[in-house]
Amino acid sequence: MILTIPVLLYQLFFVLLHFIASRFGRKPLIICMVLCLIWTATHIFLVPLAVLQTVVILASYLTFRSRITAKEKSEAA
């Protein structure tokens, strides 16, 4: 089984990276996403783990991007 506690904690690390990057704005969040995807492509060789990590990275990016967009809309109003 690939969903062990260390694997899940490692995924939580990527969510935390995206959370921190989102606090600095949209560009740092995009840079963080790209660097995380490059890290995944070059360091994870098991396909199920690579897919899991890619999904976590993209979901984190989309979640925190939507929060930035909602914050910008509320400040503009």
Protein backbone atom coordinates (compact mmCIF):
# COMPACT_ATOMS: atom_id res chain seq x y z
CA MET A 1 0.00 0.00 0.00
CA ILE A 2 1.40 3.39 -0.94
CA LEU A 3 -0.65 5.43 1.55
CA THR A 4 1.58 5.09 4.58
CA ILE A 5 1.97 7.74 7.26
CA PRO A 6 5.36 8.97 5.92
CA VAL A 7 3.91 9.30 2.40
CA LEU A 8 0.93 11.27 3.65
CA LEU A 9 3.15 13.53 5.76
CA TYR A 10 5.30 14.13 2.69
CA GLN A 11 2.18 15.20 0.78
CA LEU A 12 1.24 17.49 3.66
CA PHE A 13 4.66 19.11 3.26
CA PHE A 14 3.76 20.10 -0.31
CA VAL A 15 0.43 21.51 0.83
CA LEU A 16 2.31 23.55 3.45
CA LEU A 17 4.72 24.85 0.79
CA HIS A 18 1.78 26.01 -1.32
CA PHE A 19 0.10 27.61 1.69
CA ILE A 20 3.24 29.59 2.50
CA ALA A 21 3.75 30.61 -1.14
CA SER A 22 0.11 31.74 -1.41
CA ARG A 23 0.70 34.22 1.41
CA PHE A 24 3.19 36.05 -0.82
CA GLY A 25 0.89 36.30 -3.85
CA ARG A 26 0.08 34.71 -7.16
CA LYS A 27 3.57 34.65 -8.74
CA PRO A 28 5.26 32.88 -5.81
CA LEU A 29 2.43 30.35 -5.82
CA ILE A 30 2.99 29.62 -9.52
CA ILE A 31 6.75 29.33 -8.99
CA CYS A 32 6.18 26.97 -6.07
CA MET A 33 3.87 24.78 -8.15
CA VAL A 34 6.34 24.56 -11.04
CA LEU A 35 9.26 23.74 -8.75
CA CYS A 36 7.24 21.09 -6.92
CA LEU A 37 6.20 19.48 -10.21
CA ILE A 38 9.82 19.48 -11.42
CA TRP A 39 10.87 17.91 -8.11
CA THR A 40 8.23 15.22 -8.56
CA ALA A 41 9.23 14.51 -12.14
CA THR A 42 12.90 14.14 -11.28
CA HIS A 43 12.76 12.38 -7.91
CA ILE A 44 9.71 10.10 -7.80
CA PHE A 45 10.00 7.01 -9.96
CA LEU A 46 7.04 4.93 -8.79
CA VAL A 47 4.08 5.85 -10.97
CA PRO A 48 1.36 5.65 -8.27
CA LEU A 49 3.38 7.89 -5.94
CA ALA A 50 4.14 10.34 -8.75
CA VAL A 51 0.45 10.51 -9.66
CA LEU A 52 -0.55 11.00 -6.01
CA GLN A 53 1.98 13.76 -5.52
CA THR A 54 1.04 15.50 -8.78
CA VAL A 55 -2.64 15.46 -7.82
CA VAL A 56 -1.82 16.87 -4.37
CA ILE A 57 0.33 19.63 -5.88
CA LEU A 58 -2.27 20.63 -8.48
CA ALA A 59 -5.15 20.48 -6.00
CA SER A 60 -3.21 22.62 -3.52
CA TYR A 61 -2.39 25.11 -6.24
CA LEU A 62 -6.01 25.36 -7.39
CA THR A 63 -7.29 25.69 -3.82
CA PHE A 64 -4.91 28.44 -2.80
CA ARG A 65 -5.23 30.22 -6.16
CA SER A 66 -8.99 30.43 -5.73
CA ARG A 67 -8.48 31.90 -2.26
CA ILE A 68 -6.16 34.57 -3.71
CA THR A 69 -8.72 35.35 -6.43
CA ALA A 70 -11.55 35.63 -3.90
CA LYS A 71 -9.42 37.89 -1.71
CA GLU A 72 -8.60 40.15 -4.67
CA LYS A 73 -12.30 40.40 -5.62
CA SER A 74 -13.35 41.30 -2.09
CA GLU A 75 -10.64 43.98 -1.83
CA ALA A 76 -11.67 45.47 -5.21
CA ALA A 77 -15.30 45.81 -4.19
